[in-house]
């Protein structure tokens, strides 16, 4: 079990790095680890935004508040255009309902 705040922070950051597929050397300082993780998260978010922009979209009406992308919140009752795979997940999860039939894929 970690014995200091720095050890606890490093343990948490190792988990974040693993989730992002990062391999961080054990010699990195906590600050260097944090910087590397933030850069990796930004890269992932940039790729997600790019894929979101390029994807074929369909409108859904939200039953609950939802985030289409990190930091992009939509309110219950809104009709929003999201990629078809997101729309299907949201409909299946009860987050949204179809606003019109899904286009053929």
N, C-alpha and C. Protein backbone atom coordinates (compact mmCIF):
# COMPACT_ATOMS: atom_id res chain seq x y z
N UNK A 1 0.85 -1.19 0.00
CA UNK A 1 0.00 0.00 0.00
C UNK A 1 0.89 1.24 0.00
N UNK A 2 0.53 2.25 -0.82
CA UNK A 2 1.34 3.47 -0.88
C UNK A 2 1.42 4.14 0.49
N UNK A 3 2.59 4.71 0.79
CA UNK A 3 2.78 5.32 2.10
C UNK A 3 2.84 6.84 2.04
N UNK A 4 2.91 7.41 0.87
CA UNK A 4 2.94 8.87 0.77
C UNK A 4 2.01 9.32 -0.36
N UNK A 5 1.71 10.63 -0.34
CA UNK A 5 0.87 11.18 -1.39
C UNK A 5 1.50 10.99 -2.77
N UNK A 6 2.83 11.15 -2.84
CA UNK A 6 3.51 10.99 -4.12
C UNK A 6 3.39 9.54 -4.61
N UNK A 7 3.55 8.59 -3.72
CA UNK A 7 3.42 7.18 -4.11
C UNK A 7 2.01 6.88 -4.57
N UNK A 8 1.02 7.43 -3.87
CA UNK A 8 -0.37 7.23 -4.26
C UNK A 8 -0.63 7.85 -5.63
N UNK A 9 -0.13 9.06 -5.83
CA UNK A 9 -0.30 9.74 -7.12
C UNK A 9 0.35 8.93 -8.24
N UNK A 10 1.54 8.41 -8.00
CA UNK A 10 2.24 7.62 -9.01
C UNK A 10 1.45 6.34 -9.33
N UNK A 11 0.87 5.73 -8.33
CA UNK A 11 0.07 4.52 -8.55
C UNK A 11 -1.15 4.84 -9.43
N UNK A 12 -1.82 5.93 -9.12
CA UNK A 12 -2.98 6.34 -9.91
C UNK A 12 -2.56 6.66 -11.34
N UNK A 13 -1.45 7.38 -11.49
CA UNK A 13 -0.97 7.74 -12.83
C UNK A 13 -0.53 6.51 -13.62
N UNK A 14 0.03 5.52 -12.96
CA UNK A 14 0.39 4.27 -13.65
C UNK A 14 -0.86 3.63 -14.23
N UNK A 15 -1.95 3.63 -13.45
CA UNK A 15 -3.21 3.09 -13.94
C UNK A 15 -3.73 3.87 -15.14
N UNK A 16 -3.64 5.20 -15.09
CA UNK A 16 -4.06 6.04 -16.21
C UNK A 16 -3.20 5.75 -17.44
N UNK A 17 -1.90 5.64 -17.22
CA UNK A 17 -0.99 5.37 -18.33
C UNK A 17 -1.32 4.02 -18.96
N UNK A 18 -1.57 3.01 -18.15
CA UNK A 18 -1.93 1.69 -18.67
C UNK A 18 -3.21 1.77 -19.51
N UNK A 19 -4.20 2.51 -19.01
CA UNK A 19 -5.47 2.64 -19.73
C UNK A 19 -5.27 3.34 -21.08
N UNK A 20 -4.27 4.20 -21.15
CA UNK A 20 -3.97 4.92 -22.40
C UNK A 20 -2.98 4.18 -23.28
N UNK A 21 -2.47 3.05 -22.80
CA UNK A 21 -1.50 2.29 -23.56
C UNK A 21 -0.10 2.89 -23.51
N UNK A 22 0.17 3.69 -22.50
CA UNK A 22 1.48 4.31 -22.36
C UNK A 22 2.41 3.43 -21.52
N UNK A 23 3.65 3.41 -21.92
CA UNK A 23 4.67 2.73 -21.14
C UNK A 23 5.60 3.81 -20.60
N UNK A 24 5.50 4.06 -19.30
CA UNK A 24 6.31 5.11 -18.69
C UNK A 24 7.46 4.51 -17.90
N UNK A 25 8.68 5.01 -18.10
CA UNK A 25 9.81 4.49 -17.32
C UNK A 25 9.64 4.82 -15.84
N UNK A 26 10.10 3.92 -15.00
CA UNK A 26 9.98 4.11 -13.55
C UNK A 26 10.83 5.27 -13.05
N UNK A 27 11.75 5.74 -13.87
CA UNK A 27 12.63 6.85 -13.46
C UNK A 27 11.98 8.22 -13.65
N UNK A 28 10.79 8.26 -14.29
CA UNK A 28 10.11 9.54 -14.51
C UNK A 28 9.64 10.12 -13.19
N UNK A 29 9.72 11.43 -13.10
CA UNK A 29 9.19 12.11 -11.91
C UNK A 29 7.66 12.15 -12.04
N UNK A 30 7.01 12.44 -10.94
CA UNK A 30 5.54 12.55 -10.96
C UNK A 30 5.08 13.62 -11.94
N UNK A 31 5.81 14.73 -11.98
CA UNK A 31 5.45 15.82 -12.89
C UNK A 31 5.60 15.38 -14.35
N UNK A 32 6.67 14.66 -14.66
CA UNK A 32 6.87 14.16 -16.03
C UNK A 32 5.78 13.15 -16.40
N UNK A 33 5.43 12.31 -15.44
CA UNK A 33 4.36 11.33 -15.70
C UNK A 33 3.05 12.05 -16.01
N UNK A 34 2.73 13.05 -15.19
CA UNK A 34 1.49 13.80 -15.39
C UNK A 34 1.47 14.47 -16.75
N UNK A 35 2.58 15.05 -17.14
CA UNK A 35 2.67 15.72 -18.45
C UNK A 35 2.47 14.72 -19.59
N UNK A 36 3.12 13.57 -19.50
CA UNK A 36 2.99 12.54 -20.54
C UNK A 36 1.55 12.04 -20.64
N UNK A 37 0.90 11.87 -19.50
CA UNK A 37 -0.49 11.39 -19.49
C UNK A 37 -1.42 12.43 -20.09
N UNK A 38 -1.23 13.69 -19.72
CA UNK A 38 -2.07 14.76 -20.27
C UNK A 38 -1.91 14.83 -21.79
N UNK A 39 -0.68 14.74 -22.28
CA UNK A 39 -0.45 14.76 -23.74
C UNK A 39 -1.14 13.58 -24.42
N UNK A 40 -1.05 12.40 -23.82
CA UNK A 40 -1.70 11.22 -24.40
C UNK A 40 -3.21 11.38 -24.40
N UNK A 41 -3.78 11.94 -23.33
CA UNK A 41 -5.22 12.16 -23.27
C UNK A 41 -5.65 13.15 -24.35
N UNK A 42 -4.87 14.20 -24.55
CA UNK A 42 -5.19 15.19 -25.60
C UNK A 42 -5.17 14.53 -26.98
N UNK A 43 -4.20 13.66 -27.20
CA UNK A 43 -4.11 12.97 -28.48
C UNK A 43 -5.33 12.09 -28.71
N UNK A 44 -5.73 11.35 -27.68
CA UNK A 44 -6.91 10.49 -27.78
C UNK A 44 -8.15 11.33 -28.06
N UNK A 45 -8.32 12.43 -27.32
CA UNK A 45 -9.48 13.31 -27.53
C UNK A 45 -9.49 13.91 -28.93
N UNK A 46 -8.32 14.27 -29.43
CA UNK A 46 -8.22 14.83 -30.79
C UNK A 46 -8.66 13.79 -31.83
N UNK A 47 -8.21 12.54 -31.64
CA UNK A 47 -8.62 11.47 -32.56
C UNK A 47 -10.12 11.22 -32.48
N UNK A 48 -10.67 11.25 -31.27
CA UNK A 48 -12.11 11.06 -31.10
C UNK A 48 -12.90 12.16 -31.79
N UNK A 49 -12.45 13.40 -31.64
CA UNK A 49 -13.13 14.52 -32.31
C UNK A 49 -13.06 14.39 -33.82
N UNK A 50 -11.91 13.98 -34.32
CA UNK A 50 -11.73 13.80 -35.76
C UNK A 50 -12.67 12.70 -36.27
N UNK A 51 -12.71 11.57 -35.57
CA UNK A 51 -13.59 10.47 -35.97
C UNK A 51 -15.05 10.89 -35.88
N UNK A 52 -15.40 11.65 -34.84
CA UNK A 52 -16.76 12.14 -34.66
C UNK A 52 -17.16 13.03 -35.83
N UNK A 53 -16.27 13.92 -36.23
CA UNK A 53 -16.54 14.85 -37.33
C UNK A 53 -16.75 14.11 -38.65
N UNK A 54 -15.95 13.07 -38.90
CA UNK A 54 -16.01 12.35 -40.17
C UNK A 54 -17.15 11.33 -40.25
N UNK A 55 -17.65 10.88 -39.10
CA UNK A 55 -18.63 9.78 -39.07
C UNK A 55 -19.99 10.21 -39.64
N UNK A 56 -20.68 9.24 -40.22
CA UNK A 56 -22.05 9.46 -40.67
C UNK A 56 -22.92 9.63 -39.43
N UNK A 57 -23.78 10.65 -39.44
CA UNK A 57 -24.55 10.99 -38.24
C UNK A 57 -26.05 10.81 -38.45
N UNK A 58 -26.73 10.71 -37.31
CA UNK A 58 -28.19 10.63 -37.31
C UNK A 58 -28.70 11.40 -36.08
N UNK A 59 -29.88 11.99 -36.18
CA UNK A 59 -30.40 12.75 -35.03
C UNK A 59 -31.05 11.84 -33.98
N UNK A 60 -30.84 12.19 -32.72
CA UNK A 60 -31.51 11.52 -31.60
C UNK A 60 -32.02 12.59 -30.64
N UNK A 61 -33.11 12.27 -29.93
CA UNK A 61 -33.66 13.16 -28.92
C UNK A 61 -33.25 12.60 -27.55
N UNK A 62 -32.65 13.44 -26.74
CA UNK A 62 -32.10 12.98 -25.47
C UNK A 62 -33.17 12.85 -24.39
N UNK A 63 -33.14 11.72 -23.69
CA UNK A 63 -33.99 11.49 -22.52
C UNK A 63 -33.25 11.90 -21.24
N UNK A 64 -31.93 12.00 -21.35
CA UNK A 64 -31.08 12.38 -20.23
C UNK A 64 -29.98 13.28 -20.76
N UNK A 65 -29.34 14.03 -19.87
CA UNK A 65 -28.16 14.80 -20.28
C UNK A 65 -27.08 13.82 -20.73
N UNK A 66 -26.29 14.22 -21.72
CA UNK A 66 -25.26 13.32 -22.25
C UNK A 66 -24.11 14.12 -22.83
N UNK A 67 -22.94 13.48 -22.85
CA UNK A 67 -21.75 14.05 -23.46
C UNK A 67 -21.47 13.31 -24.77
N UNK A 68 -21.47 14.04 -25.90
CA UNK A 68 -21.15 13.40 -27.17
C UNK A 68 -19.63 13.26 -27.32
N UNK A 69 -18.91 14.17 -26.74
CA UNK A 69 -17.44 14.17 -26.70
C UNK A 69 -17.03 14.74 -25.35
N UNK A 70 -15.81 14.50 -24.90
CA UNK A 70 -15.39 15.10 -23.64
C UNK A 70 -15.57 16.62 -23.68
N UNK A 71 -16.28 17.14 -22.70
CA UNK A 71 -16.50 18.58 -22.61
C UNK A 71 -17.65 19.11 -23.45
N UNK A 72 -18.33 18.24 -24.21
CA UNK A 72 -19.46 18.66 -25.04
C UNK A 72 -20.73 18.05 -24.47
N UNK A 73 -21.41 18.83 -23.61
CA UNK A 73 -22.60 18.33 -22.92
C UNK A 73 -23.86 18.77 -23.63
N UNK A 74 -24.81 17.85 -23.74
CA UNK A 74 -26.12 18.13 -24.32
C UNK A 74 -27.17 17.90 -23.26
N UNK A 75 -28.21 18.70 -23.27
CA UNK A 75 -29.24 18.66 -22.25
C UNK A 75 -30.41 17.74 -22.64
N UNK A 76 -31.02 17.16 -21.63
CA UNK A 76 -32.23 16.35 -21.81
C UNK A 76 -33.23 17.15 -22.64
N UNK A 77 -33.86 16.48 -23.62
CA UNK A 77 -34.85 17.13 -24.48
C UNK A 77 -34.28 17.67 -25.78
N UNK A 78 -32.97 17.86 -25.84
CA UNK A 78 -32.33 18.34 -27.07
C UNK A 78 -32.36 17.25 -28.14
N UNK A 79 -32.41 17.67 -29.38
CA UNK A 79 -32.19 16.76 -30.51
C UNK A 79 -30.80 17.08 -31.04
N UNK A 80 -29.94 16.06 -31.07
CA UNK A 80 -28.56 16.26 -31.50
C UNK A 80 -28.20 15.24 -32.56
N UNK A 81 -27.27 15.61 -33.42
CA UNK A 81 -26.75 14.70 -34.44
C UNK A 81 -25.48 14.07 -33.91
N UNK A 82 -25.47 12.75 -33.85
CA UNK A 82 -24.30 12.01 -33.37
C UNK A 82 -24.02 10.86 -34.34
N UNK A 83 -22.80 10.34 -34.32
CA UNK A 83 -22.49 9.19 -35.17
C UNK A 83 -23.47 8.03 -34.89
N UNK A 84 -23.73 7.25 -35.91
CA UNK A 84 -24.71 6.17 -35.81
C UNK A 84 -24.38 5.20 -34.67
N UNK A 85 -23.09 4.85 -34.49
CA UNK A 85 -22.75 3.92 -33.41
C UNK A 85 -23.05 4.51 -32.03
N UNK A 86 -22.83 5.81 -31.86
CA UNK A 86 -23.16 6.48 -30.59
C UNK A 86 -24.67 6.49 -30.41
N UNK A 87 -25.40 6.82 -31.48
CA UNK A 87 -26.86 6.85 -31.40
C UNK A 87 -27.42 5.49 -30.98
N UNK A 88 -26.90 4.44 -31.57
CA UNK A 88 -27.38 3.09 -31.22
C UNK A 88 -27.10 2.76 -29.76
N UNK A 89 -25.90 3.11 -29.26
CA UNK A 89 -25.58 2.86 -27.84
C UNK A 89 -26.49 3.66 -26.93
N UNK A 90 -26.72 4.93 -27.26
CA UNK A 90 -27.57 5.77 -26.43
C UNK A 90 -29.00 5.27 -26.43
N UNK A 91 -29.51 4.87 -27.58
CA UNK A 91 -30.89 4.34 -27.64
C UNK A 91 -30.98 3.05 -26.83
N UNK A 92 -30.03 2.15 -27.01
CA UNK A 92 -30.02 0.88 -26.27
C UNK A 92 -29.91 1.11 -24.77
N UNK A 93 -29.20 2.14 -24.36
CA UNK A 93 -29.00 2.44 -22.94
C UNK A 93 -30.08 3.33 -22.34
N UNK A 94 -31.07 3.72 -23.13
CA UNK A 94 -32.15 4.55 -22.62
C UNK A 94 -31.78 6.02 -22.46
N UNK A 95 -30.66 6.43 -23.02
CA UNK A 95 -30.21 7.81 -22.91
C UNK A 95 -30.92 8.70 -23.94
N UNK A 96 -31.27 8.09 -25.08
CA UNK A 96 -31.88 8.85 -26.17
C UNK A 96 -32.93 7.99 -26.87
N UNK A 97 -33.72 8.65 -27.69
CA UNK A 97 -34.67 7.94 -28.56
C UNK A 97 -34.43 8.42 -29.99
N UNK A 98 -34.80 7.60 -30.90
CA UNK A 98 -34.59 7.96 -32.29
C UNK A 98 -35.43 9.18 -32.66
N UNK A 99 -34.81 10.10 -33.36
CA UNK A 99 -35.54 11.28 -33.83
C UNK A 99 -36.02 11.05 -35.25
N UNK A 100 -35.44 10.09 -35.95
CA UNK A 100 -35.92 9.61 -37.24
C UNK A 100 -35.25 8.28 -37.47
N UNK A 101 -35.68 7.51 -38.46
CA UNK A 101 -35.06 6.19 -38.68
C UNK A 101 -33.56 6.31 -38.96
N UNK A 102 -32.81 5.35 -38.48
CA UNK A 102 -31.37 5.32 -38.75
C UNK A 102 -31.15 5.16 -40.25
N UNK A 103 -30.23 5.91 -40.82
CA UNK A 103 -29.91 5.70 -42.23
C UNK A 103 -29.27 4.33 -42.40
N UNK A 104 -29.42 3.78 -43.59
CA UNK A 104 -28.77 2.47 -43.82
C UNK A 104 -27.27 2.66 -43.76
N UNK A 105 -26.59 1.63 -43.27
CA UNK A 105 -25.14 1.74 -43.10
C UNK A 105 -24.42 1.19 -44.31
